[in-house]
N, C-alpha and C. Protein backbone atom coordinates (compact mmCIF):
# COMPACT_ATOMS: atom_id res chain seq x y z
N MET A 1 126.79 85.18 29.00
CA MET A 1 125.92 84.65 30.14
C MET A 1 126.67 84.03 31.00
N HIS A 2 127.97 83.95 31.19
CA HIS A 2 129.00 83.34 32.03
C HIS A 2 128.74 81.97 32.09
N GLN A 3 128.43 81.11 31.14
CA GLN A 3 128.07 79.75 31.32
C GLN A 3 129.48 79.07 30.57
N LYS A 4 129.88 78.09 31.25
CA LYS A 4 131.04 77.37 30.64
C LYS A 4 130.62 76.47 29.52
N GLN A 5 131.20 76.62 28.37
CA GLN A 5 131.08 75.78 27.26
C GLN A 5 132.12 74.81 27.00
N ASP A 6 131.83 73.55 27.02
CA ASP A 6 132.94 72.44 26.83
C ASP A 6 133.38 72.41 25.28
N ASN A 7 132.21 72.45 24.55
CA ASN A 7 132.69 72.03 23.05
C ASN A 7 132.48 73.46 22.26
N PRO A 8 133.22 73.44 21.08
CA PRO A 8 133.20 74.55 20.14
C PRO A 8 131.73 74.97 19.57
N THR A 9 131.48 76.07 19.37
CA THR A 9 130.09 76.53 18.85
C THR A 9 130.13 76.10 17.19
N VAL A 10 129.20 75.33 16.85
CA VAL A 10 129.18 74.87 15.35
C VAL A 10 128.36 75.70 14.65
N ILE A 11 129.02 76.21 13.56
CA ILE A 11 128.23 77.13 12.60
C ILE A 11 128.31 76.36 11.26
N PHE A 12 127.03 76.26 10.88
CA PHE A 12 126.79 75.48 9.39
C PHE A 12 126.69 76.50 8.20
N CYS A 13 127.46 76.28 7.31
CA CYS A 13 127.56 77.40 6.28
C CYS A 13 127.40 76.42 4.99
N ASP A 14 126.67 77.22 4.05
CA ASP A 14 126.59 76.49 2.74
C ASP A 14 127.63 77.07 1.68
N ASN A 15 128.35 77.87 2.10
CA ASN A 15 129.29 78.67 1.09
C ASN A 15 130.83 78.14 1.25
N LYS A 16 131.21 77.27 0.36
CA LYS A 16 132.58 76.63 0.57
C LYS A 16 133.68 77.80 0.46
N SER A 17 133.55 78.84 -0.40
CA SER A 17 134.64 79.89 -0.15
C SER A 17 134.64 80.64 0.93
N ALA A 18 133.43 80.79 1.72
CA ALA A 18 133.60 81.59 3.02
C ALA A 18 134.04 80.68 4.06
N ILE A 19 134.02 79.29 3.96
CA ILE A 19 134.57 78.43 4.87
C ILE A 19 136.18 78.29 4.64
N ALA A 20 136.70 78.20 3.36
CA ALA A 20 137.89 78.13 3.27
C ALA A 20 138.62 79.42 3.68
N ILE A 21 138.21 80.60 3.65
CA ILE A 21 138.65 81.83 4.15
C ILE A 21 138.77 81.66 5.57
N CYS A 22 137.65 81.23 6.20
CA CYS A 22 137.70 81.17 7.68
C CYS A 22 138.84 80.18 8.25
N LYS A 23 138.97 79.11 7.40
CA LYS A 23 139.87 78.09 7.98
C LYS A 23 141.41 78.30 7.62
N ASN A 24 141.48 79.09 6.58
CA ASN A 24 143.00 79.14 6.24
C ASN A 24 143.39 80.48 6.36
N PRO A 25 144.16 80.71 7.32
CA PRO A 25 144.76 82.13 7.86
C PRO A 25 145.80 82.83 6.77
N VAL A 26 146.12 82.09 5.73
CA VAL A 26 146.85 82.78 4.66
C VAL A 26 146.24 84.01 4.07
N PHE A 27 146.97 84.84 3.73
CA PHE A 27 146.30 86.04 2.99
C PHE A 27 145.89 85.67 1.82
N HIS A 28 144.58 86.10 1.55
CA HIS A 28 143.95 85.74 0.14
C HIS A 28 143.92 87.15 -0.63
N GLU A 29 144.26 86.98 -1.96
CA GLU A 29 144.03 88.35 -2.64
C GLU A 29 142.72 88.84 -2.73
N ARG A 30 141.81 87.96 -2.80
CA ARG A 30 140.51 88.26 -3.07
C ARG A 30 139.88 88.73 -1.64
N SER A 31 140.37 88.41 -0.57
CA SER A 31 139.92 88.79 0.58
C SER A 31 140.49 90.13 1.32
N LYS A 32 141.46 90.68 0.64
CA LYS A 32 142.18 91.90 1.14
C LYS A 32 141.30 93.08 1.40
N HIS A 33 140.19 93.08 0.79
CA HIS A 33 139.27 94.15 1.07
C HIS A 33 138.52 94.21 2.23
N ILE A 34 138.45 92.96 3.05
CA ILE A 34 137.59 92.73 4.08
C ILE A 34 138.12 93.58 5.11
N ASP A 35 137.44 94.17 5.99
CA ASP A 35 137.89 94.95 7.16
C ASP A 35 138.46 94.00 8.27
N ILE A 36 139.53 94.31 8.87
CA ILE A 36 140.15 93.42 9.73
C ILE A 36 139.12 93.06 10.90
N ARG A 37 138.17 93.57 11.28
CA ARG A 37 137.29 93.31 12.41
C ARG A 37 136.42 92.16 11.99
N PHE A 38 136.27 91.91 10.54
CA PHE A 38 135.32 90.69 10.21
C PHE A 38 136.44 89.33 10.01
N HIS A 39 137.75 89.51 10.64
CA HIS A 39 138.71 88.46 10.55
C HIS A 39 138.64 87.61 11.93
N LYS A 40 137.74 88.13 12.93
CA LYS A 40 137.74 87.60 14.14
C LYS A 40 137.33 86.09 13.99
N ILE A 41 136.57 85.87 13.00
CA ILE A 41 136.11 84.47 12.87
C ILE A 41 137.53 83.47 12.61
N ARG A 42 138.11 83.95 11.90
CA ARG A 42 139.52 83.15 11.83
C ARG A 42 140.22 82.85 13.17
N GLU A 43 140.30 83.92 14.10
CA GLU A 43 140.96 83.77 15.23
C GLU A 43 140.19 82.68 16.00
N LEU A 44 138.96 82.76 15.95
CA LEU A 44 138.17 81.86 16.83
C LEU A 44 138.06 80.44 16.29
N VAL A 45 138.20 80.30 15.02
CA VAL A 45 138.58 78.85 14.41
C VAL A 45 139.75 78.42 14.77
N THR A 46 140.79 79.27 14.72
CA THR A 46 142.07 78.75 15.23
C THR A 46 142.31 78.33 16.79
N GLU A 47 141.44 79.17 17.58
CA GLU A 47 141.53 78.63 19.01
C GLU A 47 140.45 77.74 19.15
N LYS A 48 139.87 77.13 18.29
CA LYS A 48 138.88 76.07 18.41
C LYS A 48 137.60 76.59 19.35
N GLU A 49 137.28 77.81 19.38
CA GLU A 49 136.19 78.12 19.89
C GLU A 49 134.98 78.05 19.10
N VAL A 50 135.21 78.15 17.61
CA VAL A 50 133.98 77.90 16.87
C VAL A 50 134.52 76.87 15.62
N LEU A 51 133.60 76.06 15.37
CA LEU A 51 133.79 74.95 14.37
C LEU A 51 132.87 75.46 13.18
N ILE A 52 133.40 75.55 11.87
CA ILE A 52 132.60 75.79 10.70
C ILE A 52 132.55 74.46 10.01
N ASN A 53 131.18 74.09 9.78
CA ASN A 53 130.81 72.97 9.10
C ASN A 53 130.10 73.08 7.74
N TYR A 54 130.27 72.43 6.73
CA TYR A 54 129.46 72.58 5.49
C TYR A 54 128.16 71.93 5.64
N CYS A 55 127.15 72.56 5.05
CA CYS A 55 125.75 72.17 5.03
C CYS A 55 125.25 72.59 3.79
N HIS A 56 124.73 71.66 3.01
CA HIS A 56 124.16 71.53 1.66
C HIS A 56 122.98 72.71 1.57
N THR A 57 122.86 73.58 0.53
CA THR A 57 122.05 74.55 0.43
C THR A 57 120.57 74.19 0.96
N GLU A 58 120.23 72.93 0.43
CA GLU A 58 118.86 72.31 0.65
C GLU A 58 118.53 71.92 2.05
N GLU A 59 119.66 71.88 2.95
CA GLU A 59 119.53 71.52 4.39
C GLU A 59 119.87 72.75 5.20
N GLN A 60 120.04 73.85 4.78
CA GLN A 60 120.44 74.99 5.40
C GLN A 60 118.97 75.62 6.01
N ILE A 61 118.64 75.36 7.19
CA ILE A 61 117.32 75.71 7.70
C ILE A 61 117.08 77.01 7.86
N ALA A 62 118.19 77.99 8.13
CA ALA A 62 118.20 79.46 8.15
C ALA A 62 117.54 80.06 6.78
N ASP A 63 117.71 79.44 5.81
CA ASP A 63 117.21 80.04 4.47
C ASP A 63 115.75 80.32 4.55
N ILE A 64 114.99 79.56 5.29
CA ILE A 64 113.55 79.77 5.51
C ILE A 64 113.15 81.10 5.90
N PHE A 65 114.17 81.68 6.73
CA PHE A 65 113.91 82.96 7.11
C PHE A 65 114.36 84.12 6.23
N THR A 66 115.51 83.93 5.44
CA THR A 66 116.42 84.77 4.58
C THR A 66 116.05 84.83 3.18
N LYS A 67 115.34 83.87 2.54
CA LYS A 67 115.29 83.68 1.23
C LYS A 67 113.93 83.34 0.66
N PRO A 68 113.51 83.85 -0.49
CA PRO A 68 112.24 83.23 -1.11
C PRO A 68 112.64 81.83 -1.50
N LEU A 69 111.67 80.97 -1.28
CA LEU A 69 111.91 79.61 -1.50
C LEU A 69 110.78 78.67 -2.30
N LYS A 70 111.09 77.79 -2.95
CA LYS A 70 110.04 77.18 -3.71
C LYS A 70 109.19 76.44 -2.60
N ALA A 71 107.85 76.20 -2.90
CA ALA A 71 107.08 75.51 -1.96
C ALA A 71 107.71 74.22 -1.31
N GLU A 72 107.94 73.30 -2.40
CA GLU A 72 108.70 72.14 -1.79
C GLU A 72 109.90 72.26 -0.78
N LEU A 73 110.76 73.14 -1.07
CA LEU A 73 111.84 73.45 -0.15
C LEU A 73 111.37 74.04 1.16
N PHE A 74 110.50 75.01 1.07
CA PHE A 74 109.90 75.63 1.97
C PHE A 74 109.27 74.62 2.96
N TYR A 75 108.41 73.68 2.61
CA TYR A 75 107.64 72.84 3.51
C TYR A 75 108.77 71.83 4.11
N LYS A 76 110.02 71.44 3.21
CA LYS A 76 110.95 70.58 3.93
C LYS A 76 111.65 71.19 5.00
N LEU A 77 112.04 72.48 4.91
CA LEU A 77 112.70 73.24 5.95
C LEU A 77 111.92 73.27 6.97
N LYS A 78 110.50 73.80 6.89
CA LYS A 78 109.49 73.73 7.97
C LYS A 78 109.43 72.63 8.82
N LYS A 79 109.46 71.48 8.06
CA LYS A 79 109.36 70.21 8.90
C LYS A 79 110.65 69.98 9.64
N MET A 80 111.91 70.34 9.00
CA MET A 80 112.93 70.28 9.75
C MET A 80 113.15 71.27 11.14
N LEU A 81 112.28 72.24 10.95
CA LEU A 81 112.27 73.16 12.08
C LEU A 81 111.20 72.60 13.22
N GLY A 82 110.54 71.59 12.76
CA GLY A 82 109.76 70.81 13.71
C GLY A 82 108.31 71.66 13.83
N MET A 83 107.96 72.49 12.75
CA MET A 83 106.62 73.24 12.65
C MET A 83 105.65 72.20 12.08
N THR A 84 104.57 72.16 12.85
CA THR A 84 103.46 71.10 12.38
C THR A 84 102.35 71.89 12.40
N LYS A 85 101.14 71.44 11.59
CA LYS A 85 100.00 71.92 11.55
C LYS A 85 99.05 71.50 12.68
N ILE A 86 98.57 72.45 13.60
CA ILE A 86 97.66 72.05 14.66
C ILE A 86 96.15 71.87 14.31
């Protein structure tokens, strides 16, 4: 969109292993099967274009769109999204 961005894009992730692989450019034996095109995130983290932050699973709002949830967690995430009953 050709808009200047002053701060890095923050990505919230609830997978500590994925965060470790992104932040550590050292070759991991368990990640050698990952195609080279998926290593772009490492480059973006190194260049400080992207910032990866840990987020507890109970606070991962995207889960409302991707997983079946218990009613209690569903309503909590729905409220976090700002959805209200009209």
